[in-house]
């Protein structure tokens, strides 16, 4: 088995996250969030182009680890377009620990986008 096959075999594909759960995460964990660039409080989370009910996952390179990536969710300021990356594992863990029946729905201002260009 080649080194490439071995590393691909060990890699685990992240499970999709329901976009409503991701919004719950941000509304609960960062209820007073504002953009660090323009002070706007309006953000957008991109939907997966293959399944509009899931948040789109992006792969970013892992520092000092050749050919390794980590899944992230990107949140974009709806006013100035600033982009913020959030680790998939952290969000997934919160969602698993806070199922919908335990969540009290605060007022929110995070939307999702199914536009391809974001």
Protein backbone atom coordinates (compact mmCIF):
# COMPACT_ATOMS: atom_id res chain seq x y z
CA UNK A 1 0.00 0.00 0.00
CA UNK A 2 1.40 3.38 -0.96
CA UNK A 3 1.82 6.24 1.52
CA UNK A 4 -0.94 8.16 -0.28
CA UNK A 5 -3.40 5.26 -0.03
CA UNK A 6 -2.55 4.77 3.63
CA UNK A 7 -3.16 8.43 4.56
CA UNK A 8 -6.39 8.56 2.54
CA UNK A 9 -7.61 5.44 4.27
CA UNK A 10 -7.04 7.02 7.71
CA UNK A 11 -8.77 10.24 6.77
CA UNK A 12 -12.37 10.52 7.98
CA UNK A 13 -14.89 12.51 6.00
CA UNK A 14 -16.78 14.91 8.29
CA UNK A 15 -20.51 14.38 8.61
CA UNK A 16 -22.73 17.13 7.21
CA UNK A 17 -24.09 19.64 9.73
CA UNK A 18 -27.67 20.82 9.50
CA UNK A 19 -27.52 24.55 8.78
CA UNK A 20 -30.19 25.27 11.41
CA UNK A 21 -27.99 23.56 14.04
CA UNK A 22 -25.01 25.65 12.95
CA UNK A 23 -27.11 28.80 13.28
CA UNK A 24 -28.18 27.64 16.78
CA UNK A 25 -24.49 27.25 17.66
CA UNK A 26 -23.63 30.81 16.65
CA UNK A 27 -26.74 32.33 18.23
CA UNK A 28 -26.01 30.58 21.51
CA UNK A 29 -22.22 30.78 21.71
CA UNK A 30 -21.79 34.26 20.20
CA UNK A 31 -25.09 36.10 20.81
CA UNK A 32 -23.50 39.57 20.81
CA UNK A 33 -21.17 39.02 17.85
CA UNK A 34 -20.21 41.93 15.65
CA UNK A 35 -17.86 42.10 12.70
CA UNK A 36 -14.36 43.06 13.76
CA UNK A 37 -14.02 45.19 10.62
CA UNK A 38 -17.26 47.15 10.28
CA UNK A 39 -19.24 46.52 13.52
CA UNK A 40 -22.16 44.96 11.63
CA UNK A 41 -24.13 42.27 13.46
CA UNK A 42 -25.43 40.55 10.31
CA UNK A 43 -23.68 37.38 9.09
CA UNK A 44 -24.22 34.71 6.43
CA UNK A 45 -23.41 30.99 6.52
CA UNK A 46 -23.15 29.33 3.11
CA UNK A 47 -25.30 26.29 2.38
CA UNK A 48 -23.82 23.19 0.80
CA UNK A 49 -24.51 23.43 -2.96
CA UNK A 50 -25.51 19.73 -3.01
CA UNK A 51 -27.87 19.92 -0.03
CA UNK A 52 -29.31 23.30 0.90
CA UNK A 53 -30.20 22.00 4.39
CA UNK A 54 -26.53 21.50 5.33
CA UNK A 55 -23.83 24.07 6.02
CA UNK A 56 -21.07 24.15 3.42
CA UNK A 57 -17.76 22.75 4.68
CA UNK A 58 -14.44 24.04 3.44
CA UNK A 59 -11.03 22.38 3.73
CA UNK A 60 -8.10 24.47 4.93
CA UNK A 61 -4.46 23.29 5.07
CA UNK A 62 -3.21 22.17 8.48
CA UNK A 63 -0.11 24.14 9.49
CA UNK A 64 3.10 22.13 9.12
CA UNK A 65 1.31 18.92 8.14
CA UNK A 66 1.90 18.08 4.50
CA UNK A 67 -1.20 17.10 2.51
CA UNK A 68 -3.51 17.40 5.52
CA UNK A 69 -6.60 19.59 5.71
CA UNK A 70 -9.13 20.45 8.40
CA UNK A 71 -12.85 21.08 7.82
CA UNK A 72 -14.19 24.54 8.69
CA UNK A 73 -17.39 26.48 8.35
CA UNK A 74 -17.05 30.00 7.03
CA UNK A 75 -19.19 32.83 8.33
CA UNK A 76 -19.24 36.00 6.24
CA UNK A 77 -20.17 39.51 7.33
CA UNK A 78 -23.22 40.49 5.30
CA UNK A 79 -22.11 44.14 5.27
CA UNK A 80 -18.39 44.22 4.40
CA UNK A 81 -17.74 40.60 3.37
CA UNK A 82 -15.14 39.83 6.06
CA UNK A 83 -14.71 36.07 6.41
CA UNK A 84 -14.37 34.14 9.67
CA UNK A 85 -13.40 30.44 9.85
CA UNK A 86 -14.75 28.18 12.59
CA UNK A 87 -13.53 24.63 13.26
CA UNK A 88 -15.96 21.88 12.31
CA UNK A 89 -15.07 19.73 15.32
CA UNK A 90 -15.87 22.45 17.83
CA UNK A 91 -19.24 23.20 16.24
CA UNK A 92 -20.11 19.49 15.85
CA UNK A 93 -19.29 18.81 19.51
CA UNK A 94 -21.52 21.70 20.67
CA UNK A 95 -24.39 20.48 18.46
CA UNK A 96 -24.04 16.93 19.84
CA UNK A 97 -24.03 18.26 23.42
CA UNK A 98 -26.98 20.63 22.82
CA UNK A 99 -29.72 18.80 20.93
CA UNK A 100 -32.64 20.86 19.73
CA UNK A 101 -34.93 19.95 22.64
CA UNK A 102 -32.41 21.44 25.12
CA UNK A 103 -31.98 24.67 23.19
CA UNK A 104 -33.85 27.85 23.99
CA UNK A 105 -34.13 29.92 20.84
CA UNK A 106 -32.68 33.42 21.34
CA UNK A 107 -33.37 36.10 18.79
CA UNK A 108 -30.92 35.62 15.95
CA UNK A 109 -29.46 37.50 13.08
CA UNK A 110 -27.50 34.81 11.23
CA UNK A 111 -28.90 33.79 7.86
CA UNK A 112 -27.75 31.19 5.41
CA UNK A 113 -26.98 31.66 1.77
CA UNK A 114 -27.29 29.23 -1.09
CA UNK A 115 -25.50 31.56 -3.49
CA UNK A 116 -22.55 29.89 -5.19
CA UNK A 117 -20.36 33.00 -5.25
CA UNK A 118 -19.94 33.45 -1.48
